[in-house]
C-alpha atoms as a PDB file:
ATOM      1  CA  MET A   1      89.851 246.764   1.418  1.00  0.00           C
ATOM      2  CA  THR A   2      87.504 249.337  -0.132  1.00  0.00           C
ATOM      3  CA  CYS A   3      85.593 249.370  -3.397  1.00  0.00           C
ATOM      4  CA  ARG A   4      86.227 251.775  -6.264  1.00  0.00           C
ATOM      5  CA  ALA A   5      83.134 253.864  -5.409  1.00  0.00           C
ATOM      6  CA  CYS A   6      84.319 254.194  -1.789  1.00  0.00           C
ATOM      7  CA  ARG A   7      87.785 255.291  -2.906  1.00  0.00           C
ATOM      8  CA  SER A   8      86.190 257.849  -5.265  1.00  0.00           C
ATOM      9  CA  ASP A   9      83.878 259.087  -2.492  1.00  0.00           C
ATOM     10  CA  LEU A  10      80.760 258.359  -4.596  1.00  0.00           C
ATOM     11  CA  ASP A  11      77.309 257.984  -3.032  1.00  0.00           C
ATOM     12  CA  HIS A  12      76.527 254.272  -3.346  1.00  0.00           C
ATOM     13  CA  CYS A  13      75.295 251.180  -1.532  1.00  0.00           C
ATOM     14  CA  HIS A  14      76.978 247.778  -1.159  1.00  0.00           C
ATOM     15  CA  GLY A  15      73.647 245.953  -0.930  1.00  0.00           C
ATOM     16  CA  THR A  16      71.632 244.360  -3.705  1.00  0.00           C
ATOM     17  CA  LEU A  17      68.493 246.116  -4.917  1.00  0.00           C
ATOM     18  CA  VAL A  18      65.590 243.662  -5.241  1.00  0.00           C
ATOM     19  CA  VAL A  19      62.882 244.720  -7.709  1.00  0.00           C
ATOM     20  CA  HIS A  20      59.438 243.326  -6.915  1.00  0.00           C
ATOM     21  CA  ALA A  21      56.424 242.932  -9.206  1.00  0.00           C
ATOM     22  CA  THR A  22      53.809 244.349  -6.841  1.00  0.00           C
ATOM     23  CA  VAL A  23      55.606 246.033  -3.931  1.00  0.00           C
ATOM     24  CA  PRO A  24      58.303 248.716  -3.757  1.00  0.00           C
ATOM     25  CA  VAL A  25      61.938 247.817  -4.322  1.00  0.00           C
ATOM     26  CA  GLU A  26      64.027 246.840  -1.330  1.00  0.00           C
ATOM     27  CA  CYS A  27      67.711 246.659  -0.528  1.00  0.00           C
ATOM     28  CA  THR A  28      69.514 243.819   1.213  1.00  0.00           C
ATOM     29  CA  GLU A  29      71.589 246.342   3.170  1.00  0.00           C
ATOM     30  CA  PRO A  30      69.685 247.214   6.376  1.00  0.00           C
ATOM     31  CA  ASP A  31      71.149 250.743   6.571  1.00  0.00           C
ATOM     32  CA  CYS A  32      70.275 251.671   2.966  1.00  0.00           C
ATOM     33  CA  PHE A  33      68.322 254.924   2.911  1.00  0.00           C
ATOM     34  CA  ASP A  34      67.966 255.502  -0.847  1.00  0.00           C
ATOM     35  CA  THR A  35      66.745 252.667  -3.066  1.00  0.00           C
ATOM     36  CA  SER A  36      67.440 254.349  -6.390  1.00  0.00           C
ATOM     37  CA  ARG A  37      69.013 252.118  -9.021  1.00  0.00           C
ATOM     38  CA  VAL A  38      71.975 254.414  -9.633  1.00  0.00           C
ATOM     39  CA  ARG A  39      73.261 253.822  -6.077  1.00  0.00           C
ATOM     40  CA  HIS A  40      73.316 250.025  -6.471  1.00  0.00           C
ATOM     41  CA  MET A  41      75.793 247.998  -8.491  1.00  0.00           C
ATOM     42  CA  LEU A  42      73.649 244.865  -8.159  1.00  0.00           C
ATOM     43  CA  VAL A  43      69.972 244.892  -9.165  1.00  0.00           C
ATOM     44  CA  VAL A  44      67.949 241.653  -9.347  1.00  0.00           C
ATOM     45  CA  ASP A  45      64.368 240.729 -10.054  1.00  0.00           C
ATOM     46  CA  CYS A  46      62.637 239.075  -7.096  1.00  0.00           C
ATOM     47  CA  SER A  47      61.696 236.079  -9.254  1.00  0.00           C
ATOM     48  CA  ASP A  48      65.428 235.318  -9.541  1.00  0.00           C
ATOM     49  CA  LEU A  49      65.844 234.860  -5.767  1.00  0.00           C
ATOM     50  CA  ALA A  50      66.772 231.354  -4.615  1.00  0.00           C
ATOM     51  CA  HIS A  51      63.483 230.774  -2.782  1.00  0.00           C
ATOM     52  CA  GLY A  52      61.356 232.961  -5.043  1.00  0.00           C
ATOM     53  CA  CYS A  53      59.111 235.735  -3.829  1.00  0.00           C
ATOM     54  CA  GLY A  54      55.455 235.811  -2.812  1.00  0.00           C
ATOM     55  CA  CYS A  55      54.741 238.946  -4.827  1.00  0.00           C
ATOM     56  CA  THR A  56      55.717 237.176  -8.065  1.00  0.00           C
ATOM     57  CA  GLU A  57      53.217 234.387  -7.388  1.00  0.00           C
ATOM     58  CA  THR A  58      50.481 236.967  -6.731  1.00  0.00           C
ATOM     59  CA  TYR A  59      51.356 238.856  -9.921  1.00  0.00           C
ATOM     60  CA  VAL A  60      51.286 235.706 -12.075  1.00  0.00           C
ATOM     61  CA  ARG A  61      47.980 234.564 -10.551  1.00  0.00           C
ATOM     62  CA  VAL A  62      46.325 237.962 -11.145  1.00  0.00           C
ATOM     63  CA  GLY A  63      47.815 238.208 -14.642  1.00  0.00           C
ATOM     64  CA  THR A  64      46.509 234.748 -15.539  1.00  0.00           C
ATOM     65  CA  LEU A  65      43.008 235.648 -14.411  1.00  0.00           C
ATOM     66  CA  ARG A  66      42.995 238.725 -16.616  1.00  0.00           C
ATOM     67  CA  VAL A  67      44.100 236.812 -19.702  1.00  0.00           C
ATOM     68  CA  SER A  68      41.502 234.045 -19.385  1.00  0.00           C
END
């Protein structure tokens, strides 16, 4: 079975693009070579990951210090 983008021969990735607060985006697909949003059907914020993300904790801690 192939996806619609595969059948249409469109440049795309089957992985999920993870957007981080303090580090570059990453893709869950190990062979992904281009992490642009237009290539990915699924884009999530790292704070929405099941076990969270260390960069979000760092961002919140730094942001809190600046506000105080």
